[in-house]
Amino acid sequence: MNYAEIKNCDIANGPGVRVTLFVSGCTHHCEGCFNQETWDFQYGQPFTQKTQERILTELAKDYIAGLTLLGGEPLELGNWQALMPLVREVKERYPDKDIWCYTGYLFDRDILGTFCERWEQMEAFLSYLDVIVDGEFILAQKDISLRFRGSTNQRIIMVQESLAQGEIIYWDEL
């Protein structure tokens, strides 16, 4: 897997100050995408053990609330598989920090349906995520007043609560 960028102090992609990892590779190709260069799976730099350690070191800072994965598309097959050791290690080292993941795939249809049926490790990957912002960006539904979303169709979903209750539980901004 390649990645496009790491931001050490991001306040736009989840609550609090966050470390964000922009992965490379996306097959959605949403019209109006703010990060089109990351559609290319070869864009950027290889994600290595050194890259992972850099992220883990940044997450150690007290003022960092958590990690956000976006891109590109973190849930492309090769991407989430490459991210598995990172999210596992984040939860082991920093259990109080949350992990957000932005995806163009739909949580209930694609992730819980197709992905979990095809790849047994997807359930393990999901066990490390706290929040998923799902749905492709739709330019016609763009709304700059939305918090942590780009278009009105996108949903902010509490992953563990949704899995436990068997229905989608939305993140409460309060």
N, C-alpha and C. Protein backbone atom coordinates (compact mmCIF):
# COMPACT_ATOMS: atom_id res chain seq x y z
N MET A 1 0.85 -1.18 0.00
CA MET A 1 0.00 0.00 0.00
C MET A 1 0.89 1.24 0.00
N ASN A 2 0.44 2.24 -0.71
CA ASN A 2 1.08 3.55 -0.68
C ASN A 2 0.20 4.52 0.09
N TYR A 3 0.83 5.59 0.55
CA TYR A 3 0.06 6.64 1.20
C TYR A 3 0.46 7.98 0.59
N ALA A 4 -0.48 8.91 0.62
CA ALA A 4 -0.26 10.22 0.03
C ALA A 4 0.32 11.21 1.03
N GLU A 5 -0.19 11.16 2.27
CA GLU A 5 0.20 12.18 3.25
C GLU A 5 -0.16 11.72 4.65
N ILE A 6 0.59 12.23 5.61
CA ILE A 6 0.27 12.09 7.03
C ILE A 6 0.20 13.50 7.59
N LYS A 7 -0.90 13.81 8.25
CA LYS A 7 -1.01 15.10 8.95
C LYS A 7 -0.93 14.82 10.44
N ASN A 8 -0.04 15.55 11.12
CA ASN A 8 0.17 15.32 12.54
C ASN A 8 -0.77 16.11 13.44
N CYS A 9 -1.39 17.15 12.92
CA CYS A 9 -2.29 18.02 13.69
C CYS A 9 -3.48 18.40 12.82
N ASP A 10 -4.44 17.52 12.72
CA ASP A 10 -5.61 17.73 11.87
C ASP A 10 -6.84 17.93 12.75
N ILE A 11 -7.62 18.95 12.46
CA ILE A 11 -8.86 19.18 13.23
C ILE A 11 -10.09 19.08 12.35
N ALA A 12 -9.93 18.69 11.09
CA ALA A 12 -11.04 18.67 10.14
C ALA A 12 -11.68 17.29 9.96
N ASN A 13 -11.01 16.24 10.39
CA ASN A 13 -11.46 14.89 10.05
C ASN A 13 -11.73 14.04 11.29
N GLY A 14 -12.53 14.59 12.17
CA GLY A 14 -12.89 13.93 13.42
C GLY A 14 -12.70 14.90 14.57
N PRO A 15 -13.24 14.56 15.73
CA PRO A 15 -13.18 15.48 16.88
C PRO A 15 -11.79 15.56 17.49
N GLY A 16 -11.45 16.75 17.96
CA GLY A 16 -10.17 16.96 18.61
C GLY A 16 -9.04 17.07 17.59
N VAL A 17 -7.84 17.11 18.11
CA VAL A 17 -6.65 17.14 17.26
C VAL A 17 -6.29 15.69 16.94
N ARG A 18 -6.06 15.41 15.65
CA ARG A 18 -5.89 14.04 15.22
C ARG A 18 -4.67 13.87 14.33
N VAL A 19 -4.20 12.66 14.26
CA VAL A 19 -3.23 12.26 13.25
C VAL A 19 -4.06 11.65 12.13
N THR A 20 -3.83 12.09 10.89
CA THR A 20 -4.58 11.55 9.76
C THR A 20 -3.63 10.94 8.75
N LEU A 21 -4.05 9.80 8.23
CA LEU A 21 -3.31 9.09 7.20
C LEU A 21 -4.16 9.04 5.95
N PHE A 22 -3.65 9.64 4.88
CA PHE A 22 -4.32 9.62 3.58
C PHE A 22 -3.70 8.50 2.75
N VAL A 23 -4.43 7.41 2.57
CA VAL A 23 -3.92 6.28 1.79
C VAL A 23 -4.12 6.55 0.30
N SER A 24 -3.37 5.83 -0.52
CA SER A 24 -3.51 5.94 -1.98
C SER A 24 -4.32 4.77 -2.50
N GLY A 25 -5.10 5.05 -3.53
CA GLY A 25 -5.90 4.03 -4.18
C GLY A 25 -7.37 4.18 -3.88
N CYS A 26 -8.14 4.42 -4.93
CA CYS A 26 -9.60 4.54 -4.78
C CYS A 26 -10.25 4.24 -6.12
N THR A 27 -11.28 3.42 -6.09
CA THR A 27 -12.00 3.08 -7.31
C THR A 27 -13.34 3.82 -7.42
N HIS A 28 -13.68 4.64 -6.45
CA HIS A 28 -14.96 5.36 -6.49
C HIS A 28 -14.95 6.50 -7.52
N HIS A 29 -13.87 7.27 -7.54
CA HIS A 29 -13.72 8.41 -8.47
C HIS A 29 -14.91 9.36 -8.40
N CYS A 30 -15.22 9.81 -7.21
CA CYS A 30 -16.35 10.73 -6.99
C CYS A 30 -16.11 12.05 -7.70
N GLU A 31 -17.15 12.53 -8.38
CA GLU A 31 -17.08 13.85 -9.01
C GLU A 31 -16.90 14.89 -7.91
N GLY A 32 -15.93 15.78 -8.10
CA GLY A 32 -15.67 16.83 -7.11
C GLY A 32 -14.79 16.39 -5.97
N CYS A 33 -14.19 15.22 -6.05
CA CYS A 33 -13.31 14.72 -5.00
C CYS A 33 -12.22 15.75 -4.69
N PHE A 34 -11.94 15.99 -3.41
CA PHE A 34 -10.93 16.97 -3.03
C PHE A 34 -9.52 16.40 -3.09
N ASN A 35 -9.40 15.12 -3.39
CA ASN A 35 -8.10 14.47 -3.29
C ASN A 35 -7.90 13.49 -4.46
N GLN A 36 -8.15 13.95 -5.69
CA GLN A 36 -8.12 13.07 -6.85
C GLN A 36 -6.79 12.37 -7.08
N GLU A 37 -5.69 12.99 -6.69
CA GLU A 37 -4.40 12.35 -6.90
C GLU A 37 -4.30 11.02 -6.16
N THR A 38 -5.08 10.85 -5.10
CA THR A 38 -5.02 9.60 -4.33
C THR A 38 -5.84 8.47 -4.96
N TRP A 39 -6.48 8.71 -6.08
CA TRP A 39 -7.16 7.62 -6.78
C TRP A 39 -6.16 6.58 -7.26
N ASP A 40 -4.96 7.03 -7.60
CA ASP A 40 -3.91 6.16 -8.14
C ASP A 40 -3.28 5.35 -6.99
N PHE A 41 -3.34 4.04 -7.10
CA PHE A 41 -2.80 3.17 -6.06
C PHE A 41 -1.28 3.32 -5.92
N GLN A 42 -0.61 3.82 -6.94
CA GLN A 42 0.85 3.97 -6.92
C GLN A 42 1.29 5.36 -6.44
N TYR A 43 0.33 6.26 -6.21
CA TYR A 43 0.66 7.62 -5.80
C TYR A 43 1.30 7.62 -4.41
N GLY A 44 2.23 8.52 -4.20
CA GLY A 44 2.80 8.73 -2.87
C GLY A 44 3.97 7.82 -2.58
N GLN A 45 4.05 7.43 -1.31
CA GLN A 45 5.17 6.65 -0.81
C GLN A 45 4.69 5.31 -0.25
N PRO A 46 5.56 4.32 -0.24
CA PRO A 46 5.18 3.04 0.37
C PRO A 46 4.94 3.18 1.87
N PHE A 47 3.91 2.52 2.34
CA PHE A 47 3.61 2.47 3.77
C PHE A 47 4.48 1.36 4.37
N THR A 48 5.40 1.73 5.22
CA THR A 48 6.37 0.79 5.78
C THR A 48 6.24 0.72 7.30
N GLN A 49 7.05 -0.14 7.90
CA GLN A 49 7.10 -0.21 9.36
C GLN A 49 7.55 1.13 9.95
N LYS A 50 8.46 1.79 9.25
CA LYS A 50 8.92 3.11 9.69
C LYS A 50 7.77 4.13 9.67
N THR A 51 6.94 4.06 8.63
CA THR A 51 5.77 4.94 8.55
C THR A 51 4.83 4.68 9.71
N GLN A 52 4.58 3.40 9.98
CA GLN A 52 3.70 3.04 11.09
C GLN A 52 4.26 3.56 12.41
N GLU A 53 5.54 3.41 12.63
CA GLU A 53 6.14 3.90 13.88
C GLU A 53 6.05 5.41 13.99
N ARG A 54 6.16 6.11 12.87
CA ARG A 54 6.01 7.57 12.88
C ARG A 54 4.61 7.95 13.36
N ILE A 55 3.60 7.26 12.86
CA ILE A 55 2.21 7.53 13.26
C ILE A 55 2.02 7.22 14.73
N LEU A 56 2.52 6.08 15.17
CA LEU A 56 2.38 5.68 16.58
C LEU A 56 3.07 6.67 17.51
N THR A 57 4.21 7.20 17.10
CA THR A 57 4.92 8.20 17.89
C THR A 57 4.10 9.48 18.00
N GLU A 58 3.52 9.92 16.89
CA GLU A 58 2.68 11.13 16.92
C GLU A 58 1.45 10.93 17.80
N LEU A 59 0.88 9.73 17.79
CA LEU A 59 -0.31 9.44 18.60
C LEU A 59 -0.01 9.46 20.10
N ALA A 60 1.25 9.33 20.48
CA ALA A 60 1.62 9.31 21.90
C ALA A 60 1.41 10.66 22.58
N LYS A 61 1.34 11.72 21.81
CA LYS A 61 1.18 13.06 22.39
C LYS A 61 -0.18 13.17 23.09
N ASP A 62 -0.17 13.77 24.27
CA ASP A 62 -1.38 13.87 25.09
C ASP A 62 -2.53 14.57 24.39
N TYR A 63 -2.23 15.59 23.60
CA TYR A 63 -3.29 16.37 22.97
C TYR A 63 -3.89 15.72 21.73
N ILE A 64 -3.37 14.60 21.29
CA ILE A 64 -3.91 13.91 20.13
C ILE A 64 -5.08 13.02 20.57
N ALA A 65 -6.25 13.24 19.96
CA ALA A 65 -7.46 12.50 20.32
C ALA A 65 -7.54 11.13 19.65
N GLY A 66 -6.93 11.02 18.46
CA GLY A 66 -7.03 9.74 17.79
C GLY A 66 -6.46 9.78 16.39
N LEU A 67 -6.72 8.70 15.67
CA LEU A 67 -6.25 8.48 14.31
C LEU A 67 -7.43 8.51 13.36
N THR A 68 -7.24 9.15 12.20
CA THR A 68 -8.25 9.11 11.14
C THR A 68 -7.60 8.55 9.89
N LEU A 69 -8.31 7.60 9.27
CA LEU A 69 -7.89 6.99 8.01
C LEU A 69 -8.79 7.50 6.91
N LEU A 70 -8.18 8.02 5.84
CA LEU A 70 -8.95 8.47 4.69
C LEU A 70 -8.05 8.41 3.47
N GLY A 71 -8.47 8.99 2.40
CA GLY A 71 -7.62 8.82 1.23
C GLY A 71 -8.03 9.63 0.05
N GLY A 72 -7.98 8.89 -1.01
CA GLY A 72 -8.02 7.48 -1.35
C GLY A 72 -9.17 6.78 -0.62
N GLU A 73 -9.05 5.47 -0.59
CA GLU A 73 -10.08 4.63 0.02
C GLU A 73 -9.43 3.61 0.95
N PRO A 74 -9.53 3.83 2.26
CA PRO A 74 -8.93 2.89 3.21
C PRO A 74 -9.50 1.47 3.11
N LEU A 75 -10.72 1.33 2.63
CA LEU A 75 -11.33 0.00 2.61
C LEU A 75 -11.19 -0.73 1.28
N GLU A 76 -10.34 -0.22 0.38
CA GLU A 76 -9.96 -1.05 -0.77
C GLU A 76 -9.22 -2.25 -0.19
N LEU A 77 -9.39 -3.40 -0.79
CA LEU A 77 -8.87 -4.65 -0.24
C LEU A 77 -7.42 -4.56 0.22
N GLY A 78 -6.52 -4.17 -0.64
CA GLY A 78 -5.11 -4.10 -0.27
C GLY A 78 -4.82 -3.07 0.79
N ASN A 79 -5.62 -2.03 0.84
CA ASN A 79 -5.40 -0.96 1.82
C ASN A 79 -5.77 -1.41 3.23
N TRP A 80 -6.97 -1.92 3.43
CA TRP A 80 -7.34 -2.29 4.80
C TRP A 80 -6.49 -3.44 5.31
N GLN A 81 -6.08 -4.33 4.42
CA GLN A 81 -5.20 -5.41 4.87
C GLN A 81 -3.86 -4.86 5.34
N ALA A 82 -3.32 -3.87 4.62
CA ALA A 82 -2.05 -3.25 5.02
C ALA A 82 -2.21 -2.41 6.29
N LEU A 83 -3.41 -1.89 6.53
CA LEU A 83 -3.66 -1.06 7.71
C LEU A 83 -3.94 -1.88 8.98
N MET A 84 -4.23 -3.15 8.82
CA MET A 84 -4.58 -4.00 9.96
C MET A 84 -3.54 -3.94 11.09
N PRO A 85 -2.24 -4.11 10.80
CA PRO A 85 -1.26 -4.03 11.91
C PRO A 85 -1.24 -2.66 12.59
N LEU A 86 -1.47 -1.61 11.83
CA LEU A 86 -1.48 -0.26 12.41
C LEU A 86 -2.65 -0.10 13.37
N VAL A 87 -3.86 -0.41 12.94
CA VAL A 87 -5.02 -0.20 13.80
C VAL A 87 -4.97 -1.10 15.03
N ARG A 88 -4.46 -2.30 14.87
CA ARG A 88 -4.30 -3.21 16.01
C ARG A 88 -3.33 -2.60 17.03
N GLU A 89 -2.21 -2.10 16.55
CA GLU A 89 -1.20 -1.53 17.44
C GLU A 89 -1.70 -0.24 18.09
N VAL A 90 -2.45 0.58 17.36
CA VAL A 90 -3.02 1.80 17.95
C VAL A 90 -3.91 1.43 19.13
N LYS A 91 -4.77 0.44 18.96
CA LYS A 91 -5.68 0.06 20.06
C LYS A 91 -4.93 -0.57 21.23
N GLU A 92 -3.84 -1.29 20.94
CA GLU A 92 -3.06 -1.89 22.04
C GLU A 92 -2.31 -0.82 22.83
N ARG A 93 -1.67 0.11 22.14
CA ARG A 93 -0.87 1.13 22.81
C ARG A 93 -1.71 2.26 23.39
N TYR A 94 -2.77 2.64 22.69
CA TYR A 94 -3.55 3.82 23.05
C TYR A 94 -5.04 3.50 23.09
N PRO A 95 -5.47 2.67 24.02
CA PRO A 95 -6.88 2.24 24.03
C PRO A 95 -7.89 3.38 24.22
N ASP A 96 -7.43 4.52 24.72
CA ASP A 96 -8.35 5.64 24.93
C ASP A 96 -8.45 6.57 23.72
N LYS A 97 -7.66 6.31 22.69
CA LYS A 97 -7.71 7.14 21.48
C LYS A 97 -8.59 6.43 20.46
N ASP A 98 -9.42 7.21 19.77
CA ASP A 98 -10.34 6.58 18.83
C ASP A 98 -9.77 6.54 17.42
N ILE A 99 -10.35 5.65 16.62
CA ILE A 99 -9.97 5.52 15.22
C ILE A 99 -11.20 5.77 14.36
N TRP A 100 -11.08 6.78 13.48
CA TRP A 100 -12.12 7.10 12.51
C TRP A 100 -11.65 6.63 11.14
N CYS A 101 -12.60 6.21 10.31
CA CYS A 101 -12.28 5.77 8.96
C CYS A 101 -13.32 6.33 7.99
N TYR A 102 -12.84 7.04 6.97
CA TYR A 102 -13.71 7.56 5.92
C TYR A 102 -13.71 6.58 4.76
N THR A 103 -14.90 6.25 4.26
CA THR A 103 -15.02 5.31 3.16
C THR A 103 -16.18 5.69 2.25
N GLY A 104 -16.01 5.45 0.98
CA GLY A 104 -17.11 5.63 0.04
C GLY A 104 -18.07 4.46 0.04
N TYR A 105 -17.67 3.36 0.67
CA TYR A 105 -18.55 2.18 0.75
C TYR A 105 -19.60 2.40 1.82
N LEU A 106 -20.73 1.73 1.69
CA LEU A 106 -21.80 1.83 2.68
C LEU A 106 -21.60 0.78 3.77
N PHE A 107 -21.74 1.20 5.00
CA PHE A 107 -21.49 0.33 6.15
C PHE A 107 -22.36 -0.91 6.13
N ASP A 108 -23.66 -0.73 5.98
CA ASP A 108 -24.58 -1.86 6.08
C ASP A 108 -24.56 -2.74 4.83
N ARG A 109 -24.55 -2.15 3.66
CA ARG A 109 -24.62 -2.93 2.42
C ARG A 109 -23.26 -3.52 2.03
N ASP A 110 -22.25 -2.67 1.91
CA ASP A 110 -20.96 -3.12 1.39
C ASP A 110 -20.07 -3.76 2.45
N ILE A 111 -19.89 -3.07 3.56
CA ILE A 111 -18.92 -3.51 4.56
C ILE A 111 -19.44 -4.72 5.33
N LEU A 112 -20.61 -4.57 5.96
CA LEU A 112 -21.16 -5.71 6.72
C LEU A 112 -21.68 -6.80 5.80
N GLY A 113 -22.13 -6.43 4.63
CA GLY A 113 -22.63 -7.41 3.68
C GLY A 113 -21.51 -8.04 2.89
N THR A 114 -21.17 -7.44 1.80
CA THR A 114 -20.21 -8.01 0.85
C THR A 114 -18.83 -8.27 1.46
N PHE A 115 -18.24 -7.26 2.10
CA PHE A 115 -16.86 -7.40 2.57
C PHE A 115 -16.72 -8.46 3.65
N CYS A 116 -17.62 -8.46 4.63
CA CYS A 116 -17.53 -9.46 5.70
C CYS A 116 -17.80 -10.86 5.18
N GLU A 117 -18.63 -10.98 4.15
CA GLU A 117 -18.87 -12.29 3.54
C GLU A 117 -17.66 -12.78 2.76
N ARG A 118 -16.98 -11.89 2.06
CA ARG A 118 -15.82 -12.27 1.22
C ARG A 118 -14.55 -12.48 2.01
N TRP A 119 -14.32 -11.62 3.01
CA TRP A 119 -13.03 -11.62 3.71
C TRP A 119 -13.27 -11.72 5.21
N GLU A 120 -12.93 -12.86 5.77
CA GLU A 120 -13.19 -13.08 7.20
C GLU A 120 -12.42 -12.10 8.09
N GLN A 121 -11.28 -11.59 7.63
CA GLN A 121 -10.51 -10.65 8.43
C GLN A 121 -11.15 -9.26 8.51
N MET A 122 -12.15 -8.98 7.67
CA MET A 122 -12.81 -7.68 7.74
C MET A 122 -13.46 -7.47 9.10
N GLU A 123 -14.03 -8.51 9.68
CA GLU A 123 -14.63 -8.36 11.01
C GLU A 123 -13.58 -7.98 12.04
N ALA A 124 -12.39 -8.56 11.93
CA ALA A 124 -11.30 -8.20 12.85
C ALA A 124 -10.90 -6.74 12.63
N PHE A 125 -10.80 -6.32 11.38
CA PHE A 125 -10.45 -4.93 11.09
C PHE A 125 -11.49 -3.99 11.70
N LEU A 126 -12.76 -4.30 11.52
CA LEU A 126 -13.83 -3.47 12.08
C LEU A 126 -13.77 -3.38 13.60
N SER A 127 -13.26 -4.42 14.24
CA SER A 127 -13.21 -4.43 15.70
C SER A 127 -12.29 -3.34 16.26
N TYR A 128 -11.43 -2.79 15.42
CA TYR A 128 -10.51 -1.73 15.86
C TYR A 128 -11.04 -0.33 15.56
N LEU A 129 -12.09 -0.22 14.77
CA LEU A 129 -12.61 1.09 14.37
C LEU A 129 -13.69 1.56 15.33
N ASP A 130 -13.67 2.84 15.65
CA ASP A 130 -14.70 3.43 16.51
C ASP A 130 -15.79 4.09 15.68
N VAL A 131 -15.40 4.77 14.60
CA VAL A 131 -16.35 5.53 13.78
C VAL A 131 -16.01 5.32 12.32
N ILE A 132 -17.06 5.13 11.52
CA ILE A 132 -16.93 5.12 10.07
C ILE A 132 -17.80 6.24 9.52
N VAL A 133 -17.23 7.05 8.65
CA VAL A 133 -18.00 8.01 7.86
C VAL A 133 -18.16 7.35 6.50
N ASP A 134 -19.38 6.97 6.17
CA ASP A 134 -19.58 6.17 4.96
C ASP A 134 -20.31 6.93 3.86
N GLY A 135 -20.23 6.38 2.67
CA GLY A 135 -20.92 6.94 1.51
C GLY A 135 -20.01 7.76 0.63
N GLU A 136 -20.17 7.60 -0.67
CA GLU A 136 -19.39 8.39 -1.61
C GLU A 136 -19.73 9.86 -1.47
N PHE A 137 -18.76 10.71 -1.77
CA PHE A 137 -19.03 12.14 -1.84
C PHE A 137 -19.87 12.39 -3.08
N ILE A 138 -20.99 13.09 -2.91
CA ILE A 138 -21.88 13.43 -4.02
C ILE A 138 -21.89 14.95 -4.16
N LEU A 139 -21.31 15.41 -5.25
CA LEU A 139 -21.15 16.84 -5.47
C LEU A 139 -22.47 17.59 -5.38
N ALA A 140 -23.55 17.03 -5.93
CA ALA A 140 -24.86 17.69 -5.90
C ALA A 140 -25.41 17.82 -4.48
N GLN A 141 -24.87 17.04 -3.53
CA GLN A 141 -25.32 17.09 -2.13
C GLN A 141 -24.26 17.71 -1.22
N LYS A 142 -23.28 18.38 -1.82
CA LYS A 142 -22.22 19.02 -1.05
C LYS A 142 -22.82 20.07 -0.11
N ASP A 143 -22.33 20.09 1.12
CA ASP A 143 -22.80 21.05 2.11
C ASP A 143 -21.63 21.38 3.03
N ILE A 144 -21.08 22.56 2.87
CA ILE A 144 -19.89 22.93 3.65
C ILE A 144 -20.20 23.20 5.13
N SER A 145 -21.47 23.23 5.48
CA SER A 145 -21.82 23.44 6.89
C SER A 145 -21.82 22.14 7.69
N LEU A 146 -21.70 21.01 7.03
CA LEU A 146 -21.71 19.72 7.72
C LEU A 146 -20.41 19.51 8.48
N ARG A 147 -20.52 18.97 9.65
CA ARG A 147 -19.34 18.67 10.46
C ARG A 147 -18.82 17.28 10.09
N PHE A 148 -17.58 17.21 9.69
CA PHE A 148 -16.87 15.97 9.38
C PHE A 148 -17.44 15.19 8.20
N ARG A 149 -18.19 15.84 7.33
CA ARG A 149 -18.72 15.20 6.12
C ARG A 149 -18.69 16.22 5.01
N GLY A 150 -18.70 15.71 3.77
CA GLY A 150 -18.69 16.61 2.63
C GLY A 150 -20.03 16.74 1.95
N SER A 151 -20.86 15.69 2.02
CA SER A 151 -22.17 15.73 1.37
C SER A 151 -23.22 15.10 2.29
N THR A 152 -24.46 15.51 2.09
CA THR A 152 -25.53 15.14 3.02
C THR A 152 -25.85 13.65 3.05
N ASN A 153 -25.46 12.90 2.04
CA ASN A 153 -25.71 11.46 2.04
C ASN A 153 -24.77 10.69 2.97
N GLN A 154 -23.66 11.29 3.32
CA GLN A 154 -22.68 10.59 4.14
C GLN A 154 -23.15 10.50 5.59
N ARG A 155 -22.85 9.36 6.21
CA ARG A 155 -23.30 9.09 7.58
C ARG A 155 -22.10 8.89 8.50
N ILE A 156 -22.25 9.35 9.74
CA ILE A 156 -21.21 9.15 10.75
C ILE A 156 -21.73 8.07 11.70
N ILE A 157 -21.09 6.90 11.64
CA ILE A 157 -21.61 5.70 12.29
C ILE A 157 -20.68 5.22 13.40
N MET A 158 -21.26 4.96 14.55
CA MET A 158 -20.53 4.36 15.67
C MET A 158 -20.40 2.86 15.39
N VAL A 159 -19.21 2.41 15.11
CA VAL A 159 -19.01 1.04 14.63
C VAL A 159 -19.32 0.00 15.70
N GLN A 160 -18.68 0.10 16.85
CA GLN A 160 -18.85 -0.95 17.87
C GLN A 160 -20.29 -1.02 18.39
N GLU A 161 -20.90 0.13 18.59
CA GLU A 161 -22.29 0.16 19.05
C GLU A 161 -23.22 -0.43 17.99
N SER A 162 -22.97 -0.12 16.73
CA SER A 162 -23.78 -0.66 15.64
C SER A 162 -23.65 -2.17 15.54
N LEU A 163 -22.43 -2.67 15.67
CA LEU A 163 -22.22 -4.12 15.62
C LEU A 163 -22.91 -4.81 16.79
N ALA A 164 -22.81 -4.21 17.98
CA ALA A 164 -23.41 -4.82 19.18
C ALA A 164 -24.93 -4.84 19.13
N GLN A 165 -25.52 -3.78 18.57
CA GLN A 165 -26.98 -3.68 18.56
C GLN A 165 -27.63 -4.20 17.28
N GLY A 166 -26.82 -4.50 16.27
CA GLY A 166 -27.37 -5.04 15.03
C GLY A 166 -28.14 -4.03 14.20
N GLU A 167 -27.88 -2.74 14.45
CA GLU A 167 -28.50 -1.67 13.66
C GLU A 167 -27.57 -0.48 13.69
N ILE A 168 -27.74 0.40 12.72
CA ILE A 168 -26.85 1.54 12.63
C ILE A 168 -27.13 2.53 13.77
N ILE A 169 -26.06 2.84 14.50
CA ILE A 169 -26.11 3.84 15.57
C ILE A 169 -25.25 5.00 15.11
N TYR A 170 -25.84 6.16 15.05
CA TYR A 170 -25.15 7.35 14.54
C TYR A 170 -24.38 8.05 15.64
N TRP A 171 -23.26 8.64 15.26
CA TRP A 171 -22.43 9.42 16.16
C TRP A 171 -23.19 10.66 16.56
N ASP A 172 -23.17 10.97 17.85
CA ASP A 172 -23.83 12.16 18.39
C ASP A 172 -22.78 13.23 18.56
N GLU A 173 -22.93 14.34 17.89
CA GLU A 173 -21.94 15.41 17.90
C GLU A 173 -21.81 16.13 19.24
N LEU A 174 -22.71 15.94 20.13
CA LEU A 174 -22.69 16.70 21.38
C LEU A 174 -21.56 16.32 22.29
